[in-house]
Amino acid sequence: MADRPGATARLVTDRSDATVLALDGVLDIAGVDAVRPDVASALDRDSGRLTLDLAGVSFMDSSGLALLIEIANRAEDLQLTGLPAHLRRLLEITGLLGHFQVDGVTSRRRFDDSLVAIGEARAWTATFVEDQADRVRDVVALVVSELCTNALLHSPSGFELRVERSGDSLLVEVGDDGAALPVLRDAAPEDPHGRGLRIVDELATDWGVVPADGSGKAVWARIALEGAHSTSS
């Protein structure tokens, strides 16, 4: 990935209810210093929401992350948009992805055919909802656990987990190579199994199954989020 020299901040939208500031270039220690005056000017505007468009950022290190956190601490309502894949990965590995409101965050991860994969899937998905209340995080963990367990039981080649956070909901989709489609059951009290999808049906706002071309399928569930927020002073 080639760095573009320098960094700039452009005021894209300046309304009474919203401000959009686009950051471009290299956000290392020098780039951060270069954009500070324009960032400070945007923060001084009395707008309802500050949106940072990061689509033009070619590189960011910990200095850039520090700037984002400083902005989040000052902004009443901050949203990140246009997040390139390399920035999304940086937020993931630093545990900050769930710390910000991120418009349309989508990530995929492949998990092996292993019992420990279920816990790994729960932990990975938890990074998307770190800003949510315990109740929501518990719902997400339980839905992910049930969908991934079903995939693991019915596919010999592991599963792929896709998570998309957008607006007020989190979409969880689990794909596997198994041919059998899941069926919602009413398990009797003496039945040891058959309750996984019933749990998903009760907790998710909606769910469904999408058969894949050839073989396999993807089972998805949408979970309602509470008012997302960035940290603020």
Protein backbone atom coordinates (compact mmCIF):
# COMPACT_ATOMS: atom_id res chain seq x y z
CA MET A 1 0.00 0.00 0.00
CA ALA A 2 1.57 3.28 -1.12
CA ASP A 3 1.34 6.29 1.15
CA ARG A 4 0.07 9.54 -0.25
CA PRO A 5 2.17 12.39 1.12
CA GLY A 6 0.67 14.55 3.82
CA ALA A 7 -2.85 14.61 5.16
CA THR A 8 -5.79 16.97 4.67
CA ALA A 9 -9.18 17.58 6.23
CA ARG A 10 -12.06 18.83 4.05
CA LEU A 11 -15.37 20.15 5.32
CA VAL A 12 -17.93 18.39 3.11
CA THR A 13 -21.19 19.29 4.86
CA ASP A 14 -21.82 22.14 7.26
CA ARG A 15 -25.42 22.21 8.46
CA SER A 16 -27.01 23.10 11.74
CA ASP A 17 -27.87 19.44 12.33
CA ALA A 18 -24.76 17.76 10.91
CA THR A 19 -21.13 18.25 9.94
CA VAL A 20 -19.23 15.92 7.59
CA LEU A 21 -15.44 16.13 7.67
CA ALA A 22 -13.41 14.10 5.16
CA LEU A 23 -9.89 13.07 6.15
CA ASP A 24 -7.44 12.14 3.41
CA GLY A 25 -3.88 10.92 3.12
CA VAL A 26 -1.52 9.60 5.78
CA LEU A 27 -2.58 9.88 9.42
CA ASP A 28 0.72 9.31 11.17
CA ILE A 29 2.12 11.73 13.76
CA ALA A 30 2.94 14.34 11.07
CA GLY A 31 -0.40 13.95 9.28
CA VAL A 32 -2.33 14.25 12.53
CA ASP A 33 -0.51 17.47 13.35
CA ALA A 34 -1.35 18.82 9.87
CA VAL A 35 -5.10 18.26 10.18
CA ARG A 36 -5.53 19.34 13.81
CA PRO A 37 -6.56 22.95 13.01
CA ASP A 38 -9.32 21.85 10.60
CA VAL A 39 -10.47 19.11 12.98
CA ALA A 40 -10.63 21.60 15.86
CA SER A 41 -12.64 24.00 13.68
CA ALA A 42 -15.14 21.24 12.85
CA LEU A 43 -15.47 20.30 16.52
CA ASP A 44 -16.15 23.93 17.43
CA ARG A 45 -19.20 24.00 15.16
CA ASP A 46 -22.47 23.56 17.00
CA SER A 47 -23.93 20.70 14.95
CA GLY A 48 -26.02 17.72 15.95
CA ARG A 49 -23.66 15.11 14.52
CA LEU A 50 -20.08 14.96 13.34
CA THR A 51 -19.38 12.39 10.64
CA LEU A 52 -15.79 11.54 9.73
CA ASP A 53 -15.45 10.27 6.15
CA LEU A 54 -12.30 8.11 6.19
CA ALA A 55 -12.51 6.71 2.65
CA GLY A 56 -9.51 8.77 1.53
CA VAL A 57 -7.19 7.74 4.37
CA SER A 58 -4.38 5.67 2.82
CA PHE A 59 -2.56 4.90 6.08
CA MET A 60 -3.19 5.22 9.81
CA ASP A 61 -1.10 4.23 12.81
CA SER A 62 -1.56 4.69 16.55
CA SER A 63 -1.23 8.47 16.16
CA GLY A 64 -4.27 8.44 13.90
CA LEU A 65 -6.14 6.23 16.35
CA ALA A 66 -5.34 8.72 19.11
CA LEU A 67 -6.86 11.49 17.00
CA LEU A 68 -10.05 9.49 16.49
CA ILE A 69 -10.36 8.92 20.23
CA GLU A 70 -9.72 12.60 20.96
CA ILE A 71 -12.47 13.53 18.50
CA ALA A 72 -14.82 10.96 20.05
CA ASN A 73 -14.15 12.38 23.50
CA ARG A 74 -15.15 15.86 22.34
CA ALA A 75 -17.93 15.16 19.86
CA GLU A 76 -21.46 14.85 21.17
CA ASP A 77 -22.38 12.41 18.40
CA LEU A 78 -19.63 10.95 16.20
CA GLN A 79 -19.99 8.53 13.31
CA LEU A 80 -17.29 7.03 11.07
CA THR A 81 -18.11 6.34 7.44
CA GLY A 82 -16.29 5.14 4.32
CA LEU A 83 -14.06 2.89 6.42
CA PRO A 84 -11.44 1.18 4.19
CA ALA A 85 -10.60 -2.45 4.87
CA HIS A 86 -7.17 -1.64 6.32
CA LEU A 87 -8.69 0.81 8.82
CA ARG A 88 -11.43 -1.62 9.80
CA ARG A 89 -8.74 -4.23 10.46
CA LEU A 90 -6.76 -1.73 12.56
CA LEU A 91 -9.83 -0.99 14.68
CA GLU A 92 -10.47 -4.72 15.04
CA ILE A 93 -6.99 -5.67 16.25
CA THR A 94 -6.90 -2.78 18.74
CA GLY A 95 -10.35 -3.63 20.13
CA LEU A 96 -11.76 -0.26 19.08
CA LEU A 97 -14.23 -1.34 16.41
CA GLY A 98 -17.17 -1.41 18.79
CA HIS A 99 -16.05 1.84 20.41
CA PHE A 100 -17.29 3.97 17.50
CA GLN A 101 -20.48 4.31 15.54
CA VAL A 102 -19.41 2.90 12.18
CA ASP A 103 -21.75 3.13 9.23
CA GLY A 104 -22.01 -0.17 7.41
CA VAL A 105 -19.21 -2.12 9.09
CA THR A 106 -18.96 -5.58 7.54
CA SER A 107 -16.39 -8.24 8.38
CA ARG A 108 -15.99 -11.93 7.58
CA ARG A 109 -13.98 -14.63 9.27
CA ARG A 110 -13.57 -18.32 8.56
CA PHE A 111 -13.57 -20.74 11.51
CA ASP A 112 -12.21 -24.28 11.50
CA ASP A 113 -14.13 -27.44 12.30
CA SER A 114 -13.24 -27.29 16.00
CA LEU A 115 -15.22 -27.10 19.22
CA VAL A 116 -13.17 -24.10 20.37
CA ALA A 117 -14.32 -22.21 17.26
CA ILE A 118 -17.66 -21.42 18.92
CA GLY A 119 -16.02 -19.47 21.73
CA GLU A 120 -13.68 -17.78 19.26
CA ALA A 121 -16.69 -16.71 17.16
CA ARG A 122 -18.44 -15.24 20.21
CA ALA A 123 -15.31 -13.33 21.23
CA TRP A 124 -14.76 -11.99 17.71
CA THR A 125 -18.35 -10.81 17.32
CA ALA A 126 -18.25 -9.14 20.75
CA THR A 127 -15.86 -6.51 19.35
CA PHE A 128 -18.71 -5.14 17.22
CA VAL A 129 -20.95 -4.39 20.20
CA GLU A 130 -18.57 -3.25 22.92
CA ASP A 131 -20.52 0.01 23.22
CA GLN A 132 -23.80 -1.81 23.89
CA ALA A 133 -25.50 -2.66 27.17
CA ASP A 134 -24.91 -6.03 28.79
CA ARG A 135 -28.36 -7.19 27.70
CA VAL A 136 -27.58 -6.61 24.02
CA ARG A 137 -24.11 -8.16 24.26
CA ASP A 138 -25.65 -11.24 25.91
CA VAL A 139 -28.21 -11.54 23.10
CA VAL A 140 -25.51 -11.27 20.44
CA ALA A 141 -23.35 -13.87 22.16
CA LEU A 142 -26.23 -16.33 22.48
CA VAL A 143 -27.43 -15.92 18.88
CA VAL A 144 -23.90 -16.30 17.51
CA SER A 145 -23.31 -19.35 19.69
CA GLU A 146 -26.48 -21.10 18.52
CA LEU A 147 -26.00 -20.37 14.81
CA CYS A 148 -22.32 -21.37 14.84
CA THR A 149 -23.03 -24.54 16.85
CA ASN A 150 -25.64 -25.62 14.28
CA ALA A 151 -23.17 -24.97 11.47
CA LEU A 152 -20.43 -26.91 13.23
CA LEU A 153 -22.71 -29.89 13.84
CA HIS A 154 -23.91 -30.08 10.24
CA SER A 155 -20.78 -29.26 8.25
CA PRO A 156 -17.43 -31.09 8.27
CA SER A 157 -15.48 -28.12 6.93
CA GLY A 158 -16.08 -25.40 9.49
CA PHE A 159 -18.11 -22.26 8.89
CA GLU A 160 -17.85 -18.64 7.82
CA LEU A 161 -19.19 -15.90 10.06
CA ARG A 162 -20.19 -12.56 8.57
CA VAL A 163 -21.12 -9.63 10.80
CA GLU A 164 -22.56 -6.36 9.55
CA ARG A 165 -23.30 -3.46 11.85
CA SER A 166 -25.35 -0.66 10.34
CA GLY A 167 -27.59 1.87 12.00
CA ASP A 168 -29.59 0.34 14.83
CA SER A 169 -29.05 -3.34 14.07
CA LEU A 170 -26.43 -6.07 13.85
CA LEU A 171 -26.71 -8.70 11.14
CA VAL A 172 -25.09 -12.06 11.89
CA GLU A 173 -24.77 -14.59 9.07
CA VAL A 174 -23.24 -18.06 9.36
CA GLY A 175 -22.48 -20.03 6.22
CA ASP A 176 -21.57 -23.70 5.99
CA ASP A 177 -21.38 -26.50 3.43
CA GLY A 178 -24.03 -28.70 5.02
CA ALA A 179 -26.96 -29.70 2.82
CA ALA A 180 -29.61 -29.93 5.56
CA LEU A 181 -31.67 -26.78 6.12
CA PRO A 182 -32.44 -25.80 9.72
CA VAL A 183 -35.97 -26.37 11.01
CA LEU A 184 -37.65 -24.48 13.83
CA ARG A 185 -38.80 -27.09 16.35
CA ASP A 186 -40.92 -27.19 19.48
CA ALA A 187 -38.89 -29.45 21.73
CA ALA A 188 -40.68 -31.31 24.50
CA PRO A 189 -39.34 -30.95 28.05
CA GLU A 190 -37.76 -34.41 27.85
CA ASP A 191 -36.00 -33.66 24.51
CA PRO A 192 -32.32 -32.78 25.10
CA HIS A 193 -31.94 -30.98 21.77
CA GLY A 194 -33.94 -28.87 19.32
CA ARG A 195 -34.00 -25.51 21.09
CA GLY A 196 -31.22 -23.60 19.31
CA LEU A 197 -33.28 -22.00 16.57
CA ARG A 198 -36.15 -21.37 18.99
CA ILE A 199 -33.73 -19.27 21.06
CA VAL A 200 -32.66 -17.37 17.93
CA ASP A 201 -36.30 -16.87 16.92
CA GLU A 202 -37.12 -15.35 20.30
CA LEU A 203 -34.09 -13.08 20.56
CA ALA A 204 -33.62 -11.83 16.99
CA THR A 205 -35.89 -9.30 15.33
CA ASP A 206 -35.82 -11.48 12.21
CA TRP A 207 -33.95 -14.49 10.84
CA GLY A 208 -33.87 -16.70 7.80
CA VAL A 209 -32.01 -19.19 5.62
CA VAL A 210 -30.44 -18.56 2.22
CA PRO A 211 -29.50 -21.73 0.25
CA ALA A 212 -26.14 -21.44 -1.50
CA ASP A 213 -25.57 -22.26 -5.14
CA GLY A 214 -24.74 -25.93 -5.41
CA SER A 215 -24.66 -26.93 -1.76
CA GLY A 216 -24.64 -25.35 1.65
CA LYS A 217 -26.53 -22.41 3.07
CA ALA A 218 -26.27 -19.27 5.13
CA VAL A 219 -28.40 -18.75 8.24
CA TRP A 220 -28.79 -15.12 9.26
CA ALA A 221 -30.29 -13.24 12.18
CA ARG A 222 -30.80 -9.52 12.77
CA ILE A 223 -30.43 -8.19 16.31
CA ALA A 224 -31.69 -4.80 17.48
CA LEU A 225 -29.12 -2.49 19.04
CA GLU A 226 -29.67 0.18 21.63
CA GLY A 227 -28.66 3.79 20.96
CA ALA A 228 -25.08 3.48 19.76
CA HIS A 229 -22.70 6.05 21.11
CA SER A 230 -19.10 7.07 21.06
CA THR A 231 -17.38 8.06 24.23
CA SER A 232 -17.91 11.68 25.16
CA SER A 233 -16.73 13.91 27.93
